Amino acid sequence: MLLKKISLRNNLYFSTLLWLQSCGIFTFSGIMLSPDLQTFSIQEFYTEVSDGPLDAYKMVTTELENRILRETPLTRESQNGDLQYEGTIKSFVYTSVFSAEGKHNDTLQEVQRLTITVEVSYINRLSEEFSFKKKLFSASKDLNADAYKESKENELVKEIMREIVDHIFSQSIDNNW
């Protein structure tokens, strides 16, 4: 009898989640959106820097688009979506730093730290209080100074762009309730 009650309660819980998901109120990734939000648009990001991969602006645009499509019920519009994004890669900088991480924690190693900064404007047409203009998002990754920078740079940029998109997504989509 107890097993039957638990099973019935689980079925009711699951049915409620499915209903909420179908209304656009809840997604299985844990993101809650207003049911009035239906679409998003991203103006292709551009770059103001001459360093780094030539397609870095496409990386961030594509990564953000894929993340929104994967984790929300929103559909993409070419322009004038309920949620709108545009942005610029503002900096792409290597700096030398010293780190105690590595094989021998007792000695400092020189590493090259790549930092990328992206400026993003976000408009929520249904709830302006969630919008932001020209907000800066940065992320960094380290590379051993003795590693061949050009062979590792593309993977480093991809990791950094994923982290930046995580921050953008969190500040825009996650903050809509």
N, C-alpha and C. Protein backbone atom coordinates (compact mmCIF):
# COMPACT_ATOMS: atom_id res chain seq x y z
N MET A 1 0.82 -1.19 0.00
CA MET A 1 0.00 0.00 0.00
C MET A 1 0.87 1.26 0.00
N LEU A 2 1.92 1.24 0.84
CA LEU A 2 2.82 2.38 0.91
C LEU A 2 3.51 2.60 -0.44
N LEU A 3 3.92 1.52 -1.08
CA LEU A 3 4.57 1.61 -2.39
C LEU A 3 3.63 2.22 -3.42
N LYS A 4 2.35 1.87 -3.36
CA LYS A 4 1.35 2.40 -4.28
C LYS A 4 1.19 3.91 -4.09
N LYS A 5 1.20 4.38 -2.83
CA LYS A 5 1.08 5.81 -2.55
C LYS A 5 2.29 6.57 -3.07
N ILE A 6 3.47 6.01 -2.86
CA ILE A 6 4.70 6.65 -3.34
C ILE A 6 4.69 6.73 -4.86
N SER A 7 4.29 5.66 -5.52
CA SER A 7 4.23 5.63 -6.97
C SER A 7 3.22 6.65 -7.50
N LEU A 8 2.06 6.74 -6.87
CA LEU A 8 1.04 7.69 -7.27
C LEU A 8 1.55 9.13 -7.08
N ARG A 9 2.21 9.39 -5.95
CA ARG A 9 2.75 10.72 -5.67
C ARG A 9 3.84 11.07 -6.70
N ASN A 10 4.70 10.12 -7.05
CA ASN A 10 5.74 10.37 -8.05
C ASN A 10 5.13 10.67 -9.41
N ASN A 11 4.09 9.92 -9.78
CA ASN A 11 3.42 10.16 -11.06
C ASN A 11 2.78 11.54 -11.09
N LEU A 12 2.17 11.94 -9.98
CA LEU A 12 1.55 13.25 -9.89
C LEU A 12 2.62 14.34 -9.99
N TYR A 13 3.73 14.16 -9.30
CA TYR A 13 4.83 15.11 -9.34
C TYR A 13 5.38 15.25 -10.75
N PHE A 14 5.62 14.12 -11.40
CA PHE A 14 6.16 14.13 -12.76
C PHE A 14 5.17 14.76 -13.73
N SER A 15 3.89 14.46 -13.59
CA SER A 15 2.86 15.05 -14.46
C SER A 15 2.81 16.56 -14.29
N THR A 16 2.94 17.04 -13.06
CA THR A 16 2.95 18.48 -12.80
C THR A 16 4.15 19.13 -13.46
N LEU A 17 5.32 18.51 -13.35
CA LEU A 17 6.51 19.05 -14.01
C LEU A 17 6.34 19.10 -15.52
N LEU A 18 5.78 18.06 -16.10
CA LEU A 18 5.54 18.06 -17.55
C LEU A 18 4.60 19.18 -17.95
N TRP A 19 3.55 19.39 -17.16
CA TRP A 19 2.60 20.45 -17.46
C TRP A 19 3.27 21.81 -17.37
N LEU A 20 4.05 22.04 -16.32
CA LEU A 20 4.77 23.31 -16.17
C LEU A 20 5.75 23.52 -17.31
N GLN A 21 6.41 22.44 -17.73
CA GLN A 21 7.36 22.55 -18.83
C GLN A 21 6.63 22.88 -20.13
N SER A 22 5.47 22.29 -20.37
CA SER A 22 4.72 22.54 -21.60
C SER A 22 4.20 23.98 -21.65
N CYS A 23 3.97 24.57 -20.48
CA CYS A 23 3.53 25.97 -20.42
C CYS A 23 4.69 26.94 -20.57
N GLY A 24 5.90 26.44 -20.56
CA GLY A 24 7.07 27.30 -20.68
C GLY A 24 7.47 27.93 -19.35
N ILE A 25 6.90 27.49 -18.26
CA ILE A 25 7.21 28.05 -16.95
C ILE A 25 8.46 27.40 -16.37
N PHE A 26 8.70 26.15 -16.69
CA PHE A 26 9.79 25.40 -16.09
C PHE A 26 10.49 24.60 -17.18
N THR A 27 11.81 24.50 -17.08
CA THR A 27 12.54 23.61 -17.98
C THR A 27 13.26 22.59 -17.13
N PHE A 28 13.58 21.44 -17.71
CA PHE A 28 14.23 20.38 -16.95
C PHE A 28 15.66 20.73 -16.59
N SER A 29 16.20 21.81 -17.14
CA SER A 29 17.52 22.26 -16.73
C SER A 29 17.42 23.13 -15.47
N GLY A 30 16.19 23.34 -14.98
CA GLY A 30 15.99 24.09 -13.75
C GLY A 30 15.73 25.56 -13.99
N ILE A 31 15.66 26.00 -15.23
CA ILE A 31 15.46 27.39 -15.55
C ILE A 31 13.97 27.68 -15.60
N MET A 32 13.58 28.74 -14.93
CA MET A 32 12.18 29.13 -14.93
C MET A 32 12.04 30.42 -15.74
N LEU A 33 11.18 30.41 -16.73
CA LEU A 33 10.95 31.57 -17.58
C LEU A 33 9.48 31.92 -17.55
N SER A 34 9.20 33.18 -17.78
CA SER A 34 7.82 33.61 -17.91
C SER A 34 7.23 32.93 -19.15
N PRO A 35 6.00 32.48 -19.07
CA PRO A 35 5.38 31.85 -20.25
C PRO A 35 5.21 32.84 -21.40
N ASP A 36 5.29 34.15 -21.11
CA ASP A 36 5.16 35.16 -22.15
C ASP A 36 6.42 35.28 -23.01
N LEU A 37 7.56 34.79 -22.49
CA LEU A 37 8.79 34.82 -23.27
C LEU A 37 8.77 33.67 -24.27
N GLN A 38 8.83 34.00 -25.54
CA GLN A 38 8.76 32.99 -26.59
C GLN A 38 10.00 32.93 -27.48
N THR A 39 10.65 34.09 -27.69
CA THR A 39 11.72 34.16 -28.69
C THR A 39 12.95 34.90 -28.15
N PHE A 40 14.06 34.71 -28.85
CA PHE A 40 15.28 35.47 -28.57
C PHE A 40 15.95 35.79 -29.89
N SER A 41 16.75 36.83 -29.89
CA SER A 41 17.55 37.17 -31.07
C SER A 41 18.94 37.59 -30.61
N ILE A 42 19.92 37.24 -31.44
CA ILE A 42 21.31 37.60 -31.15
C ILE A 42 21.87 38.26 -32.40
N GLN A 43 22.26 39.50 -32.25
CA GLN A 43 23.00 40.15 -33.32
C GLN A 43 24.42 39.61 -33.24
N GLU A 44 24.96 39.18 -34.38
CA GLU A 44 26.28 38.57 -34.33
C GLU A 44 27.27 39.49 -33.61
N PHE A 45 27.94 38.92 -32.63
CA PHE A 45 28.95 39.68 -31.89
C PHE A 45 30.05 40.10 -32.85
N TYR A 46 30.74 41.14 -32.54
CA TYR A 46 31.89 41.55 -33.35
C TYR A 46 33.07 41.79 -32.42
N THR A 47 34.20 42.09 -33.01
CA THR A 47 35.42 42.24 -32.22
C THR A 47 36.07 43.59 -32.46
N GLU A 48 36.65 44.12 -31.41
CA GLU A 48 37.43 45.36 -31.50
C GLU A 48 38.92 45.08 -31.31
N VAL A 49 39.29 43.80 -31.30
CA VAL A 49 40.69 43.45 -31.08
C VAL A 49 41.26 42.78 -32.32
N SER A 50 42.56 42.91 -32.48
CA SER A 50 43.21 42.30 -33.64
C SER A 50 43.88 40.98 -33.29
N ASP A 51 44.01 40.69 -32.00
CA ASP A 51 44.65 39.44 -31.57
C ASP A 51 43.61 38.33 -31.48
N GLY A 52 44.13 37.11 -31.39
CA GLY A 52 43.26 35.96 -31.21
C GLY A 52 42.73 35.40 -32.51
N PRO A 53 41.97 34.31 -32.40
CA PRO A 53 41.41 33.68 -33.61
C PRO A 53 40.48 34.64 -34.34
N LEU A 54 40.51 34.57 -35.64
CA LEU A 54 39.68 35.45 -36.45
C LEU A 54 38.19 35.20 -36.24
N ASP A 55 37.85 33.97 -35.83
CA ASP A 55 36.43 33.64 -35.67
C ASP A 55 35.97 33.67 -34.21
N ALA A 56 36.71 34.35 -33.33
CA ALA A 56 36.35 34.39 -31.91
C ALA A 56 34.96 34.99 -31.72
N TYR A 57 34.61 36.00 -32.50
CA TYR A 57 33.29 36.61 -32.37
C TYR A 57 32.18 35.61 -32.73
N LYS A 58 32.45 34.74 -33.70
CA LYS A 58 31.47 33.72 -34.07
C LYS A 58 31.35 32.66 -32.98
N MET A 59 32.49 32.37 -32.32
CA MET A 59 32.47 31.38 -31.24
C MET A 59 31.50 31.79 -30.13
N VAL A 60 31.61 33.04 -29.70
CA VAL A 60 30.76 33.49 -28.60
C VAL A 60 29.30 33.58 -29.04
N THR A 61 29.05 34.04 -30.26
CA THR A 61 27.69 34.12 -30.78
C THR A 61 27.06 32.74 -30.85
N THR A 62 27.77 31.79 -31.45
CA THR A 62 27.26 30.43 -31.62
C THR A 62 27.09 29.72 -30.28
N GLU A 63 28.04 29.89 -29.38
CA GLU A 63 27.97 29.25 -28.06
C GLU A 63 26.74 29.75 -27.29
N LEU A 64 26.49 31.07 -27.34
CA LEU A 64 25.32 31.63 -26.64
C LEU A 64 24.03 31.14 -27.27
N GLU A 65 23.96 31.15 -28.58
CA GLU A 65 22.76 30.67 -29.27
C GLU A 65 22.48 29.20 -28.93
N ASN A 66 23.49 28.36 -29.01
CA ASN A 66 23.31 26.94 -28.71
C ASN A 66 22.88 26.72 -27.27
N ARG A 67 23.45 27.48 -26.36
CA ARG A 67 23.09 27.33 -24.94
C ARG A 67 21.62 27.67 -24.71
N ILE A 68 21.16 28.76 -25.30
CA ILE A 68 19.76 29.17 -25.13
C ILE A 68 18.83 28.14 -25.77
N LEU A 69 19.16 27.66 -26.95
CA LEU A 69 18.32 26.66 -27.63
C LEU A 69 18.29 25.35 -26.86
N ARG A 70 19.41 24.98 -26.27
CA ARG A 70 19.52 23.71 -25.55
C ARG A 70 18.81 23.74 -24.20
N GLU A 71 18.83 24.88 -23.52
CA GLU A 71 18.36 24.91 -22.14
C GLU A 71 17.08 25.70 -21.90
N THR A 72 16.48 26.23 -22.94
CA THR A 72 15.22 26.95 -22.78
C THR A 72 14.26 26.52 -23.89
N PRO A 73 12.98 26.82 -23.73
CA PRO A 73 12.02 26.52 -24.80
C PRO A 73 11.93 27.65 -25.84
N LEU A 74 12.80 28.65 -25.73
CA LEU A 74 12.75 29.80 -26.63
C LEU A 74 13.16 29.42 -28.05
N THR A 75 12.57 30.12 -29.02
CA THR A 75 12.95 29.92 -30.41
C THR A 75 13.70 31.16 -30.89
N ARG A 76 14.59 30.95 -31.85
CA ARG A 76 15.44 32.05 -32.33
C ARG A 76 14.73 32.81 -33.44
N GLU A 77 14.78 34.12 -33.34
CA GLU A 77 14.32 35.03 -34.38
C GLU A 77 15.55 35.77 -34.90
N SER A 78 15.51 36.19 -36.15
CA SER A 78 16.66 36.90 -36.68
C SER A 78 16.82 38.28 -36.04
N GLN A 79 15.72 38.89 -35.62
CA GLN A 79 15.78 40.15 -34.89
C GLN A 79 14.48 40.39 -34.13
N ASN A 80 14.52 41.33 -33.19
CA ASN A 80 13.36 41.71 -32.40
C ASN A 80 12.75 40.59 -31.57
N GLY A 81 13.59 39.70 -31.01
CA GLY A 81 13.09 38.67 -30.13
C GLY A 81 12.64 39.26 -28.80
N ASP A 82 11.95 38.47 -28.00
CA ASP A 82 11.56 38.93 -26.66
C ASP A 82 12.80 39.22 -25.82
N LEU A 83 13.84 38.41 -26.02
CA LEU A 83 15.14 38.64 -25.40
C LEU A 83 16.12 38.94 -26.53
N GLN A 84 16.90 40.01 -26.38
CA GLN A 84 17.81 40.43 -27.45
C GLN A 84 19.21 40.61 -26.90
N TYR A 85 20.18 40.10 -27.66
CA TYR A 85 21.59 40.18 -27.26
C TYR A 85 22.41 40.82 -28.37
N GLU A 86 23.39 41.58 -27.96
CA GLU A 86 24.44 42.03 -28.88
C GLU A 86 25.69 42.26 -28.06
N GLY A 87 26.83 42.11 -28.70
CA GLY A 87 28.05 42.24 -27.93
C GLY A 87 29.29 42.44 -28.76
N THR A 88 30.36 42.75 -28.05
CA THR A 88 31.65 43.04 -28.67
C THR A 88 32.76 42.42 -27.84
N ILE A 89 33.71 41.79 -28.51
CA ILE A 89 34.91 41.34 -27.82
C ILE A 89 35.78 42.58 -27.64
N LYS A 90 35.99 42.96 -26.38
CA LYS A 90 36.70 44.20 -26.05
C LYS A 90 38.19 44.01 -25.82
N SER A 91 38.58 42.83 -25.30
CA SER A 91 40.01 42.62 -25.10
C SER A 91 40.36 41.14 -25.18
N PHE A 92 41.59 40.92 -25.61
CA PHE A 92 42.17 39.59 -25.76
C PHE A 92 43.63 39.77 -25.37
N VAL A 93 43.96 39.43 -24.10
CA VAL A 93 45.25 39.81 -23.56
C VAL A 93 45.95 38.63 -22.89
N TYR A 94 47.23 38.46 -23.23
CA TYR A 94 48.10 37.53 -22.51
C TYR A 94 48.92 38.34 -21.51
N THR A 95 49.01 37.83 -20.29
CA THR A 95 49.89 38.44 -19.28
C THR A 95 50.71 37.33 -18.64
N SER A 96 51.91 37.66 -18.22
CA SER A 96 52.75 36.69 -17.52
C SER A 96 52.43 36.77 -16.03
N VAL A 97 52.18 35.61 -15.45
CA VAL A 97 51.92 35.52 -14.01
C VAL A 97 52.72 34.34 -13.47
N PHE A 98 52.81 34.28 -12.18
CA PHE A 98 53.52 33.16 -11.56
C PHE A 98 52.54 32.35 -10.74
N SER A 99 52.67 31.03 -10.84
CA SER A 99 51.74 30.13 -10.17
C SER A 99 52.51 29.06 -9.43
N ALA A 100 51.99 28.65 -8.28
CA ALA A 100 52.59 27.55 -7.52
C ALA A 100 51.93 26.23 -7.86
N GLU A 101 50.94 26.26 -8.74
CA GLU A 101 50.28 25.02 -9.13
C GLU A 101 51.15 24.25 -10.10
N GLY A 102 50.97 22.96 -10.13
CA GLY A 102 51.75 22.14 -11.04
C GLY A 102 52.36 20.96 -10.34
N LYS A 103 53.42 20.41 -10.93
CA LYS A 103 54.07 19.21 -10.40
C LYS A 103 54.75 19.47 -9.06
N HIS A 104 55.38 20.60 -8.97
CA HIS A 104 56.15 20.92 -7.75
C HIS A 104 55.57 22.19 -7.14
N ASN A 105 54.72 22.04 -6.16
CA ASN A 105 54.05 23.18 -5.54
C ASN A 105 55.00 24.07 -4.75
N ASP A 106 56.23 23.62 -4.58
CA ASP A 106 57.16 24.41 -3.79
C ASP A 106 57.91 25.46 -4.63
N THR A 107 57.78 25.44 -5.94
CA THR A 107 58.44 26.41 -6.79
C THR A 107 57.41 27.14 -7.65
N LEU A 108 57.70 28.39 -7.90
CA LEU A 108 56.82 29.17 -8.75
C LEU A 108 57.15 28.91 -10.21
N GLN A 109 56.10 28.81 -11.02
CA GLN A 109 56.26 28.64 -12.46
C GLN A 109 55.66 29.84 -13.17
N GLU A 110 56.30 30.24 -14.24
CA GLU A 110 55.72 31.31 -15.04
C GLU A 110 54.66 30.70 -15.95
N VAL A 111 53.52 31.34 -16.00
CA VAL A 111 52.45 30.92 -16.90
C VAL A 111 51.95 32.13 -17.67
N GLN A 112 51.39 31.86 -18.82
CA GLN A 112 50.75 32.91 -19.62
C GLN A 112 49.26 32.83 -19.34
N ARG A 113 48.68 33.91 -18.88
CA ARG A 113 47.24 33.96 -18.59
C ARG A 113 46.55 34.71 -19.72
N LEU A 114 45.63 34.01 -20.39
CA LEU A 114 44.82 34.63 -21.44
C LEU A 114 43.52 35.10 -20.81
N THR A 115 43.23 36.38 -20.97
CA THR A 115 41.98 36.96 -20.47
C THR A 115 41.23 37.56 -21.64
N ILE A 116 39.97 37.18 -21.76
CA ILE A 116 39.10 37.72 -22.80
C ILE A 116 37.97 38.46 -22.10
N THR A 117 37.66 39.64 -22.60
CA THR A 117 36.56 40.43 -22.06
C THR A 117 35.57 40.72 -23.18
N VAL A 118 34.30 40.48 -22.88
CA VAL A 118 33.22 40.70 -23.84
C VAL A 118 32.23 41.67 -23.21
N GLU A 119 31.83 42.67 -23.98
CA GLU A 119 30.82 43.63 -23.53
C GLU A 119 29.48 43.23 -24.15
N VAL A 120 28.45 43.12 -23.32
CA VAL A 120 27.15 42.62 -23.79
C VAL A 120 26.04 43.59 -23.39
N SER A 121 25.15 43.81 -24.33
CA SER A 121 23.89 44.50 -24.04
C SER A 121 22.78 43.48 -24.21
N TYR A 122 21.86 43.49 -23.26
CA TYR A 122 20.77 42.51 -23.22
C TYR A 122 19.47 43.27 -22.96
N ILE A 123 18.49 43.00 -23.79
CA ILE A 123 17.18 43.62 -23.63
C ILE A 123 16.14 42.54 -23.43
N ASN A 124 15.39 42.67 -22.36
CA ASN A 124 14.23 41.83 -22.11
C ASN A 124 13.03 42.72 -22.40
N ARG A 125 12.40 42.53 -23.55
CA ARG A 125 11.32 43.42 -23.98
C ARG A 125 10.09 43.32 -23.09
N LEU A 126 9.93 42.23 -22.37
CA LEU A 126 8.75 42.07 -21.52
C LEU A 126 8.97 42.56 -20.10
N SER A 127 10.22 42.59 -19.65
CA SER A 127 10.55 43.04 -18.29
C SER A 127 11.84 43.84 -18.34
N GLU A 128 11.72 45.13 -18.60
CA GLU A 128 12.89 45.99 -18.76
C GLU A 128 13.84 45.99 -17.56
N GLU A 129 13.32 45.71 -16.36
CA GLU A 129 14.18 45.74 -15.17
C GLU A 129 15.27 44.67 -15.22
N PHE A 130 15.11 43.66 -16.06
CA PHE A 130 16.12 42.61 -16.19
C PHE A 130 17.17 42.93 -17.26
N SER A 131 16.94 43.98 -18.03
CA SER A 131 17.85 44.35 -19.12
C SER A 131 19.13 44.97 -18.56
N PHE A 132 20.21 44.91 -19.37
CA PHE A 132 21.44 45.60 -19.02
C PHE A 132 22.14 46.07 -20.29
N LYS A 133 22.88 47.15 -20.15
CA LYS A 133 23.61 47.73 -21.28
C LYS A 133 25.10 47.69 -21.01
N LYS A 134 25.86 47.26 -22.00
CA LYS A 134 27.32 47.31 -21.99
C LYS A 134 27.93 46.74 -20.72
N LYS A 135 27.45 45.59 -20.32
CA LYS A 135 28.00 44.91 -19.15
C LYS A 135 29.21 44.08 -19.59
N LEU A 136 30.28 44.16 -18.81
CA LEU A 136 31.52 43.44 -19.15
C LEU A 136 31.54 42.06 -18.50
N PHE A 137 31.92 41.06 -19.28
CA PHE A 137 32.09 39.69 -18.82
C PHE A 137 33.50 39.26 -19.20
N SER A 138 34.26 38.76 -18.23
CA SER A 138 35.64 38.34 -18.47
C SER A 138 35.86 36.95 -17.92
N ALA A 139 36.79 36.26 -18.54
CA ALA A 139 37.24 34.96 -18.04
C ALA A 139 38.69 34.78 -18.46
N SER A 140 39.41 33.97 -17.66
CA SER A 140 40.84 33.74 -17.91
C SER A 140 41.17 32.26 -17.80
N LYS A 141 42.19 31.85 -18.51
CA LYS A 141 42.76 30.51 -18.42
C LYS A 141 44.27 30.64 -18.52
N ASP A 142 44.96 29.74 -17.84
CA ASP A 142 46.42 29.77 -17.83
C ASP A 142 47.01 28.73 -18.77
N LEU A 143 48.17 29.06 -19.29
CA LEU A 143 48.93 28.20 -20.19
C LEU A 143 50.37 28.23 -19.72
N ASN A 144 50.98 27.07 -19.58
CA ASN A 144 52.40 27.03 -19.19
C ASN A 144 53.21 27.86 -20.16
N ALA A 145 54.13 28.65 -19.62
CA ALA A 145 54.93 29.56 -20.44
C ALA A 145 55.78 28.82 -21.46
N ASP A 146 56.15 27.56 -21.15
CA ASP A 146 56.99 26.82 -22.08
C ASP A 146 56.18 26.06 -23.13
N ALA A 147 54.85 26.10 -23.04
CA ALA A 147 53.99 25.44 -24.04
C ALA A 147 53.95 26.31 -25.30
N TYR A 148 53.71 25.66 -26.41
CA TYR A 148 53.62 26.37 -27.68
C TYR A 148 52.24 27.02 -27.76
N LYS A 149 52.21 28.32 -27.58
CA LYS A 149 50.96 29.07 -27.42
C LYS A 149 49.98 28.88 -28.59
N GLU A 150 50.46 28.94 -29.80
CA GLU A 150 49.57 28.88 -30.96
C GLU A 150 48.84 27.54 -31.06
N SER A 151 49.50 26.46 -30.63
CA SER A 151 48.84 25.14 -30.73
C SER A 151 47.76 24.96 -29.68
N LYS A 152 47.85 25.67 -28.57
CA LYS A 152 46.88 25.53 -27.48
C LYS A 152 45.83 26.64 -27.46
N GLU A 153 46.09 27.71 -28.18
CA GLU A 153 45.25 28.90 -28.08
C GLU A 153 43.80 28.65 -28.45
N ASN A 154 43.53 27.93 -29.52
CA ASN A 154 42.16 27.72 -29.97
C ASN A 154 41.32 27.01 -28.89
N GLU A 155 41.89 25.99 -28.26
CA GLU A 155 41.17 25.27 -27.20
C GLU A 155 40.97 26.17 -25.98
N LEU A 156 41.99 26.96 -25.66
CA LEU A 156 41.90 27.90 -24.55
C LEU A 156 40.77 28.91 -24.79
N VAL A 157 40.70 29.44 -26.00
CA VAL A 157 39.66 30.41 -26.35
C VAL A 157 38.28 29.77 -26.24
N LYS A 158 38.13 28.54 -26.70
CA LYS A 158 36.84 27.86 -26.60
C LYS A 158 36.41 27.70 -25.14
N GLU A 159 37.35 27.32 -24.28
CA GLU A 159 37.03 27.17 -22.84
C GLU A 159 36.62 28.50 -22.23
N ILE A 160 37.35 29.55 -22.58
CA ILE A 160 37.04 30.87 -22.04
C ILE A 160 35.68 31.34 -22.54
N MET A 161 35.40 31.14 -23.82
CA MET A 161 34.11 31.56 -24.38
C MET A 161 32.96 30.82 -23.70
N ARG A 162 33.14 29.52 -23.41
CA ARG A 162 32.09 28.77 -22.69
C ARG A 162 31.84 29.39 -21.32
N GLU A 163 32.92 29.76 -20.64
CA GLU A 163 32.78 30.36 -19.31
C GLU A 163 32.09 31.72 -19.40
N ILE A 164 32.46 32.52 -20.38
CA ILE A 164 31.83 33.83 -20.56
C ILE A 164 30.34 33.65 -20.88
N VAL A 165 30.02 32.72 -21.75
CA VAL A 165 28.62 32.45 -22.09
C VAL A 165 27.86 31.98 -20.85
N ASP A 166 28.49 31.17 -20.00
CA ASP A 166 27.85 30.78 -18.74
C ASP A 166 27.46 32.01 -17.93
N HIS A 167 28.37 32.98 -17.84
CA HIS A 167 28.10 34.20 -17.08
C HIS A 167 26.98 35.03 -17.74
N ILE A 168 27.04 35.16 -19.06
CA ILE A 168 26.01 35.92 -19.78
C ILE A 168 24.65 35.26 -19.58
N PHE A 169 24.61 33.95 -19.76
CA PHE A 169 23.37 33.18 -19.61
C PHE A 169 22.82 33.34 -18.20
N SER A 170 23.69 33.23 -17.22
CA SER A 170 23.28 33.35 -15.83
C SER A 170 22.73 34.75 -15.53
N GLN A 171 23.37 35.78 -16.03
CA GLN A 171 22.93 37.14 -15.77
C GLN A 171 21.66 37.53 -16.53
N SER A 172 21.39 36.84 -17.62
CA SER A 172 20.21 37.19 -18.42
C SER A 172 19.06 36.20 -18.19
N ILE A 173 19.23 34.98 -18.59
CA ILE A 173 18.15 33.98 -18.52
C ILE A 173 17.83 33.62 -17.07
N ASP A 174 18.81 33.31 -16.27
CA ASP A 174 18.56 32.89 -14.88
C ASP A 174 17.96 33.98 -14.02
N ASN A 175 18.12 35.24 -14.41
CA ASN A 175 17.61 36.35 -13.60
C ASN A 175 16.25 36.86 -14.06
N ASN A 176 15.49 36.05 -14.77
CA ASN A 176 14.20 36.50 -15.30
C ASN A 176 13.03 36.24 -14.38
N TRP A 177 13.24 35.76 -13.19
CA TRP A 177 12.13 35.57 -12.25
C TRP A 177 12.30 36.49 -11.10
